[in-house]
Every structure is written in structure tokens, then in C-alpha cells.
Amino acid sequence: MEEKVKFHKFLGAIFILVGLTFYPTPIPGTTILIIMGLILVFGKRKTLVLLKEHLNKKVFKYLRINKIFKKL
């Protein structure tokens, strides 16, 4: 079980690094890679709390992040 957790954290870190590397390029989906990496590293609830803290309430509601996380 511990190997699975280590693998998920490693995979999440890779997603975050790849997403940040390709963020300035016109390749679509880099933001999704970053969010998926955060979910794999921290978990769904903690990632949602982090995004709520760092994003403005208007931006958070406009992007409908709560609905996105419920579908994941």
C-alpha cells in the first residue's frame, strides 16, 4: 500500500513539473495537468482548500471549481 502512495506522489510531481514546463506554450491542457498533479500529491480535499485560499471568491465561483472537483 505504501508503494502505491509513493507512486501517486511521484506521478503527481511529474504532472506538476510537466504542466509548469509547458504552461507558457500554446499546448492545451497544461492547467489540467497541474491540477491533477496537485490532487495526486495532496488529495482532493486539501487541493480544494488550497485553491479556495489562493483564488479570489469571484474567480473561484466563475471557474466553478466546486463542480469540477465533484465530478472527479
PDB file of N, CA and C in Angstrom:
ATOM      1  N   MET A   1       0.823  -1.193   0.000  1.00  0.00           N
ATOM      2  CA  MET A   1       0.000   0.000   0.000  1.00  0.00           C
ATOM      3  C   MET A   1       0.868   1.258   0.000  1.00  0.00           C
ATOM      4  N   GLU A   2       1.966   1.216   0.735  1.00  0.00           N
ATOM      5  CA  GLU A   2       2.853   2.374   0.799  1.00  0.00           C
ATOM      6  C   GLU A   2       3.503   2.645  -0.550  1.00  0.00           C
ATOM      7  N   GLU A   3       3.764   1.593  -1.318  1.00  0.00           N
ATOM      8  CA  GLU A   3       4.347   1.765  -2.649  1.00  0.00           C
ATOM      9  C   GLU A   3       3.383   2.521  -3.566  1.00  0.00           C
ATOM     10  N   LYS A   4       2.091   2.230  -3.405  1.00  0.00           N
ATOM     11  CA  LYS A   4       1.088   2.897  -4.227  1.00  0.00           C
ATOM     12  C   LYS A   4       1.037   4.392  -3.916  1.00  0.00           C
ATOM     13  N   VAL A   5       1.136   4.743  -2.637  1.00  0.00           N
ATOM     14  CA  VAL A   5       1.114   6.145  -2.236  1.00  0.00           C
ATOM     15  C   VAL A   5       2.350   6.861  -2.777  1.00  0.00           C
ATOM     16  N   LYS A   6       3.507   6.232  -2.680  1.00  0.00           N
ATOM     17  CA  LYS A   6       4.736   6.837  -3.206  1.00  0.00           C
ATOM     18  C   LYS A   6       4.644   7.035  -4.714  1.00  0.00           C
ATOM     19  N   PHE A   7       4.078   6.040  -5.400  1.00  0.00           N
ATOM     20  CA  PHE A   7       3.927   6.143  -6.848  1.00  0.00           C
ATOM     21  C   PHE A   7       3.003   7.300  -7.217  1.00  0.00           C
ATOM     22  N   HIS A   8       1.881   7.443  -6.491  1.00  0.00           N
ATOM     23  CA  HIS A   8       0.945   8.536  -6.785  1.00  0.00           C
ATOM     24  C   HIS A   8       1.592   9.892  -6.548  1.00  0.00           C
ATOM     25  N   LYS A   9       2.368  10.023  -5.486  1.00  0.00           N
ATOM     26  CA  LYS A   9       3.035  11.300  -5.221  1.00  0.00           C
ATOM     27  C   LYS A   9       4.092  11.588  -6.282  1.00  0.00           C
ATOM     28  N   PHE A  10       4.814  10.556  -6.712  1.00  0.00           N
ATOM     29  CA  PHE A  10       5.810  10.727  -7.773  1.00  0.00           C
ATOM     30  C   PHE A  10       5.133  11.129  -9.081  1.00  0.00           C
ATOM     31  N   LEU A  11       4.045  10.449  -9.423  1.00  0.00           N
ATOM     32  CA  LEU A  11       3.310  10.761 -10.644  1.00  0.00           C
ATOM     33  C   LEU A  11       2.720  12.174 -10.576  1.00  0.00           C
ATOM     34  N   GLY A  12       2.216  12.558  -9.411  1.00  0.00           N
ATOM     35  CA  GLY A  12       1.692  13.915  -9.231  1.00  0.00           C
ATOM     36  C   GLY A  12       2.766  14.969  -9.422  1.00  0.00           C
ATOM     37  N   ALA A  13       3.946  14.705  -8.880  1.00  0.00           N
ATOM     38  CA  ALA A  13       5.062  15.653  -9.043  1.00  0.00           C
ATOM     39  C   ALA A  13       5.448  15.772 -10.516  1.00  0.00           C
ATOM     40  N   ILE A  14       5.452  14.655 -11.225  1.00  0.00           N
ATOM     41  CA  ILE A  14       5.762  14.677 -12.666  1.00  0.00           C
ATOM     42  C   ILE A  14       4.714  15.502 -13.413  1.00  0.00           C
ATOM     43  N   PHE A  15       3.424  15.298 -13.086  1.00  0.00           N
ATOM     44  CA  PHE A  15       2.356  16.077 -13.730  1.00  0.00           C
ATOM     45  C   PHE A  15       2.546  17.567 -13.496  1.00  0.00           C
ATOM     46  N   ILE A  16       2.873  17.939 -12.253  1.00  0.00           N
ATOM     47  CA  ILE A  16       3.060  19.357 -11.933  1.00  0.00           C
ATOM     48  C   ILE A  16       4.238  19.927 -12.705  1.00  0.00           C
ATOM     49  N   LEU A  17       5.353  19.215 -12.743  1.00  0.00           N
ATOM     50  CA  LEU A  17       6.533  19.698 -13.460  1.00  0.00           C
ATOM     51  C   LEU A  17       6.289  19.839 -14.957  1.00  0.00           C
ATOM     52  N   VAL A  18       5.630  18.851 -15.546  1.00  0.00           N
ATOM     53  CA  VAL A  18       5.341  18.915 -16.983  1.00  0.00           C
ATOM     54  C   VAL A  18       4.355  20.054 -17.265  1.00  0.00           C
ATOM     55  N   GLY A  19       3.349  20.204 -16.417  1.00  0.00           N
ATOM     56  CA  GLY A  19       2.385  21.283 -16.596  1.00  0.00           C
ATOM     57  C   GLY A  19       3.018  22.657 -16.494  1.00  0.00           C
ATOM     58  N   LEU A  20       3.913  22.829 -15.516  1.00  0.00           N
ATOM     59  CA  LEU A  20       4.591  24.114 -15.364  1.00  0.00           C
ATOM     60  C   LEU A  20       5.581  24.374 -16.495  1.00  0.00           C
ATOM     61  N   THR A  21       6.219  23.314 -16.983  1.00  0.00           N
ATOM     62  CA  THR A  21       7.177  23.470 -18.079  1.00  0.00           C
ATOM     63  C   THR A  21       6.487  23.921 -19.360  1.00  0.00           C
ATOM     64  N   PHE A  22       5.358  23.314 -19.663  1.00  0.00           N
ATOM     65  CA  PHE A  22       4.671  23.622 -20.911  1.00  0.00           C
ATOM     66  C   PHE A  22       3.602  24.699 -20.774  1.00  0.00           C
ATOM     67  N   TYR A  23       3.472  25.323 -19.600  1.00  0.00           N
ATOM     68  CA  TYR A  23       2.437  26.339 -19.385  1.00  0.00           C
ATOM     69  C   TYR A  23       2.560  27.526 -20.338  1.00  0.00           C
ATOM     70  N   PRO A  24       3.761  28.068 -20.582  1.00  0.00           N
ATOM     71  CA  PRO A  24       3.840  29.224 -21.491  1.00  0.00           C
ATOM     72  C   PRO A  24       3.647  28.871 -22.967  1.00  0.00           C
ATOM     73  N   THR A  25       3.646  27.614 -23.319  1.00  0.00           N
ATOM     74  CA  THR A  25       3.471  27.217 -24.713  1.00  0.00           C
ATOM     75  C   THR A  25       1.984  27.148 -25.041  1.00  0.00           C
ATOM     76  N   PRO A  26       1.624  27.125 -26.316  1.00  0.00           N
ATOM     77  CA  PRO A  26       0.204  27.065 -26.680  1.00  0.00           C
ATOM     78  C   PRO A  26      -0.395  25.648 -26.607  1.00  0.00           C
ATOM     79  N   ILE A  27       0.278  24.720 -25.955  1.00  0.00           N
ATOM     80  CA  ILE A  27      -0.245  23.361 -25.828  1.00  0.00           C
ATOM     81  C   ILE A  27      -1.409  23.369 -24.833  1.00  0.00           C
ATOM     82  N   PRO A  28      -2.588  22.880 -25.238  1.00  0.00           N
ATOM     83  CA  PRO A  28      -3.730  22.901 -24.325  1.00  0.00           C
ATOM     84  C   PRO A  28      -3.617  21.798 -23.266  1.00  0.00           C
ATOM     85  N   GLY A  29      -4.232  22.026 -22.140  1.00  0.00           N
ATOM     86  CA  GLY A  29      -4.296  21.002 -21.107  1.00  0.00           C
ATOM     87  C   GLY A  29      -3.230  21.085 -20.035  1.00  0.00           C
ATOM     88  N   THR A  30      -2.393  22.094 -20.065  1.00  0.00           N
ATOM     89  CA  THR A  30      -1.334  22.172 -19.064  1.00  0.00           C
ATOM     90  C   THR A  30      -1.898  22.488 -17.683  1.00  0.00           C
ATOM     91  N   THR A  31      -2.937  23.293 -17.611  1.00  0.00           N
ATOM     92  CA  THR A  31      -3.550  23.604 -16.327  1.00  0.00           C
ATOM     93  C   THR A  31      -4.189  22.363 -15.723  1.00  0.00           C
ATOM     94  N   ILE A  32      -4.770  21.529 -16.551  1.00  0.00           N
ATOM     95  CA  ILE A  32      -5.363  20.286 -16.068  1.00  0.00           C
ATOM     96  C   ILE A  32      -4.281  19.377 -15.507  1.00  0.00           C
ATOM     97  N   LEU A  33      -3.131  19.325 -16.142  1.00  0.00           N
ATOM     98  CA  LEU A  33      -2.024  18.530 -15.619  1.00  0.00           C
ATOM     99  C   LEU A  33      -1.588  19.023 -14.246  1.00  0.00           C
ATOM    100  N   ILE A  34      -1.524  20.326 -14.078  1.00  0.00           N
ATOM    101  CA  ILE A  34      -1.125  20.889 -12.792  1.00  0.00           C
ATOM    102  C   ILE A  34      -2.150  20.539 -11.716  1.00  0.00           C
ATOM    103  N   ILE A  35      -3.428  20.688 -12.014  1.00  0.00           N
ATOM    104  CA  ILE A  35      -4.471  20.375 -11.041  1.00  0.00           C
ATOM    105  C   ILE A  35      -4.483  18.892 -10.711  1.00  0.00           C
ATOM    106  N   MET A  36      -4.346  18.034 -11.711  1.00  0.00           N
ATOM    107  CA  MET A  36      -4.308  16.588 -11.446  1.00  0.00           C
ATOM    108  C   MET A  36      -3.092  16.221 -10.601  1.00  0.00           C
ATOM    109  N   GLY A  37      -1.964  16.879 -10.847  1.00  0.00           N
ATOM    110  CA  GLY A  37      -0.776  16.637 -10.037  1.00  0.00           C
ATOM    111  C   GLY A  37      -0.988  17.047  -8.593  1.00  0.00           C
ATOM    112  N   LEU A  38      -1.635  18.195  -8.381  1.00  0.00           N
ATOM    113  CA  LEU A  38      -1.935  18.625  -7.021  1.00  0.00           C
ATOM    114  C   LEU A  38      -2.870  17.655  -6.314  1.00  0.00           C
ATOM    115  N   ILE A  39      -3.843  17.125  -7.047  1.00  0.00           N
ATOM    116  CA  ILE A  39      -4.764  16.153  -6.462  1.00  0.00           C
ATOM    117  C   ILE A  39      -4.033  14.881  -6.081  1.00  0.00           C
ATOM    118  N   LEU A  40      -3.124  14.421  -6.927  1.00  0.00           N
ATOM    119  CA  LEU A  40      -2.381  13.203  -6.606  1.00  0.00           C
ATOM    120  C   LEU A  40      -1.424  13.400  -5.429  1.00  0.00           C
ATOM    121  N   VAL A  41      -0.858  14.585  -5.299  1.00  0.00           N
ATOM    122  CA  VAL A  41       0.102  14.826  -4.221  1.00  0.00           C
ATOM    123  C   VAL A  41      -0.610  15.107  -2.896  1.00  0.00           C
ATOM    124  N   PHE A  42      -1.588  16.001  -2.907  1.00  0.00           N
ATOM    125  CA  PHE A  42      -2.218  16.440  -1.662  1.00  0.00           C
ATOM    126  C   PHE A  42      -3.549  15.778  -1.356  1.00  0.00           C
ATOM    127  N   GLY A  43      -4.237  15.295  -2.363  1.00  0.00           N
ATOM    128  CA  GLY A  43      -5.584  14.777  -2.171  1.00  0.00           C
ATOM    129  C   GLY A  43      -6.602  15.800  -2.625  1.00  0.00           C
ATOM    130  N   LYS A  44      -7.814  15.322  -2.841  1.00  0.00           N
ATOM    131  CA  LYS A  44      -8.849  16.182  -3.413  1.00  0.00           C
ATOM    132  C   LYS A  44      -9.272  17.287  -2.448  1.00  0.00           C
ATOM    133  N   ARG A  45      -9.500  16.964  -1.192  1.00  0.00           N
ATOM    134  CA  ARG A  45      -9.991  17.966  -0.240  1.00  0.00           C
ATOM    135  C   ARG A  45      -8.960  19.056   0.032  1.00  0.00           C
ATOM    136  N   LYS A  46      -7.715  18.655   0.244  1.00  0.00           N
ATOM    137  CA  LYS A  46      -6.690  19.650   0.560  1.00  0.00           C
ATOM    138  C   LYS A  46      -6.405  20.547  -0.651  1.00  0.00           C
ATOM    139  N   THR A  47      -6.455  19.985  -1.846  1.00  0.00           N
ATOM    140  CA  THR A  47      -6.265  20.791  -3.051  1.00  0.00           C
ATOM    141  C   THR A  47      -7.392  21.807  -3.196  1.00  0.00           C
ATOM    142  N   LEU A  48      -8.616  21.394  -2.920  1.00  0.00           N
ATOM    143  CA  LEU A  48      -9.749  22.312  -2.995  1.00  0.00           C
ATOM    144  C   LEU A  48      -9.590  23.445  -1.993  1.00  0.00           C
ATOM    145  N   VAL A  49      -9.140  23.137  -0.780  1.00  0.00           N
ATOM    146  CA  VAL A  49      -8.918  24.171   0.240  1.00  0.00           C
ATOM    147  C   VAL A  49      -7.798  25.116  -0.196  1.00  0.00           C
ATOM    148  N   LEU A  50      -6.718  24.577  -0.762  1.00  0.00           N
ATOM    149  CA  LEU A  50      -5.619  25.424  -1.232  1.00  0.00           C
ATOM    150  C   LEU A  50      -6.072  26.379  -2.334  1.00  0.00           C
ATOM    151  N   LEU A  51      -6.871  25.877  -3.263  1.00  0.00           N
ATOM    152  CA  LEU A  51      -7.355  26.730  -4.344  1.00  0.00           C
ATOM    153  C   LEU A  51      -8.311  27.800  -3.821  1.00  0.00           C
ATOM    154  N   LYS A  52      -9.132  27.444  -2.838  1.00  0.00           N
ATOM    155  CA  LYS A  52     -10.045  28.434  -2.248  1.00  0.00           C
ATOM    156  C   LYS A  52      -9.262  29.540  -1.551  1.00  0.00           C
ATOM    157  N   GLU A  53      -8.187  29.178  -0.879  1.00  0.00           N
ATOM    158  CA  GLU A  53      -7.389  30.175  -0.166  1.00  0.00           C
ATOM    159  C   GLU A  53      -6.666  31.129  -1.112  1.00  0.00           C
ATOM    160  N   HIS A  54      -6.169  30.613  -2.228  1.00  0.00           N
ATOM    161  CA  HIS A  54      -5.322  31.414  -3.103  1.00  0.00           C
ATOM    162  C   HIS A  54      -6.072  32.120  -4.227  1.00  0.00           C
ATOM    163  N   LEU A  55      -7.269  31.687  -4.534  1.00  0.00           N
ATOM    164  CA  LEU A  55      -8.049  32.348  -5.573  1.00  0.00           C
ATOM    165  C   LEU A  55      -9.070  33.278  -4.938  1.00  0.00           C
ATOM    166  N   ASN A  56      -9.387  34.323  -5.624  1.00  0.00           N
ATOM    167  CA  ASN A  56     -10.428  35.238  -5.202  1.00  0.00           C
ATOM    168  C   ASN A  56     -11.772  34.505  -5.239  1.00  0.00           C
ATOM    169  N   LYS A  57     -12.710  34.877  -4.376  1.00  0.00           N
ATOM    170  CA  LYS A  57     -14.007  34.202  -4.343  1.00  0.00           C
ATOM    171  C   LYS A  57     -14.743  34.321  -5.671  1.00  0.00           C
ATOM    172  N   LYS A  58     -14.646  35.488  -6.302  1.00  0.00           N
ATOM    173  CA  LYS A  58     -15.318  35.681  -7.585  1.00  0.00           C
ATOM    174  C   LYS A  58     -14.720  34.770  -8.651  1.00  0.00           C
ATOM    175  N   VAL A  59     -13.404  34.657  -8.660  1.00  0.00           N
ATOM    176  CA  VAL A  59     -12.730  33.796  -9.634  1.00  0.00           C
ATOM    177  C   VAL A  59     -13.084  32.337  -9.367  1.00  0.00           C
ATOM    178  N   PHE A  60     -13.108  31.958  -8.098  1.00  0.00           N
ATOM    179  CA  PHE A  60     -13.430  30.583  -7.716  1.00  0.00           C
ATOM    180  C   PHE A  60     -14.834  30.210  -8.179  1.00  0.00           C
ATOM    181  N   LYS A  61     -15.795  31.116  -7.983  1.00  0.00           N
ATOM    182  CA  LYS A  61     -17.173  30.848  -8.417  1.00  0.00           C
ATOM    183  C   LYS A  61     -17.287  30.888  -9.934  1.00  0.00           C
ATOM    184  N   TYR A  62     -16.565  31.809 -10.580  1.00  0.00           N
ATOM    185  CA  TYR A  62     -16.625  31.935 -12.031  1.00  0.00           C
ATOM    186  C   TYR A  62     -16.093  30.665 -12.715  1.00  0.00           C
ATOM    187  N   LEU A  63     -15.032  30.117 -12.181  1.00  0.00           N
ATOM    188  CA  LEU A  63     -14.453  28.913 -12.770  1.00  0.00           C
ATOM    189  C   LEU A  63     -15.209  27.641 -12.394  1.00  0.00           C
ATOM    190  N   ARG A  64     -16.115  27.748 -11.434  1.00  0.00           N
ATOM    191  CA  ARG A  64     -16.937  26.610 -10.980  1.00  0.00           C
ATOM    192  C   ARG A  64     -16.070  25.433 -10.550  1.00  0.00           C
ATOM    193  N   ILE A  65     -15.093  25.734  -9.733  1.00  0.00           N
ATOM    194  CA  ILE A  65     -14.142  24.708  -9.310  1.00  0.00           C
ATOM    195  C   ILE A  65     -14.811  23.659  -8.442  1.00  0.00           C
ATOM    196  N   ASN A  66     -15.795  24.036  -7.632  1.00  0.00           N
ATOM    197  CA  ASN A  66     -16.501  23.053  -6.804  1.00  0.00           C
ATOM    198  C   ASN A  66     -17.148  21.974  -7.665  1.00  0.00           C
ATOM    199  N   LYS A  67     -17.789  22.382  -8.754  1.00  0.00           N
ATOM    200  CA  LYS A  67     -18.440  21.414  -9.635  1.00  0.00           C
ATOM    201  C   LYS A  67     -17.428  20.519 -10.328  1.00  0.00           C
ATOM    202  N   ILE A  68     -16.294  21.080 -10.685  1.00  0.00           N
ATOM    203  CA  ILE A  68     -15.246  20.287 -11.329  1.00  0.00           C
ATOM    204  C   ILE A  68     -14.733  19.210 -10.375  1.00  0.00           C
ATOM    205  N   PHE A  69     -14.506  19.586  -9.114  1.00  0.00           N
ATOM    206  CA  PHE A  69     -13.987  18.626  -8.160  1.00  0.00           C
ATOM    207  C   PHE A  69     -15.019  17.566  -7.789  1.00  0.00           C
ATOM    208  N   LYS A  70     -16.296  17.905  -7.822  1.00  0.00           N
ATOM    209  CA  LYS A  70     -17.326  16.896  -7.545  1.00  0.00           C
ATOM    210  C   LYS A  70     -17.364  15.842  -8.631  1.00  0.00           C
ATOM    211  N   LYS A  71     -17.040  16.227  -9.871  1.00  0.00           N
ATOM    212  CA  LYS A  71     -17.045  15.265 -10.973  1.00  0.00           C
ATOM    213  C   LYS A  71     -15.825  14.359 -10.977  1.00  0.00           C
ATOM    214  N   LEU A  72     -14.738  14.809 -10.307  1.00  0.00           N
ATOM    215  CA  LEU A  72     -13.524  13.998 -10.279  1.00  0.00           C
ATOM    216  C   LEU A  72     -13.700  12.854  -9.377  1.00  0.00           C
TER     217      LEU A  72
END
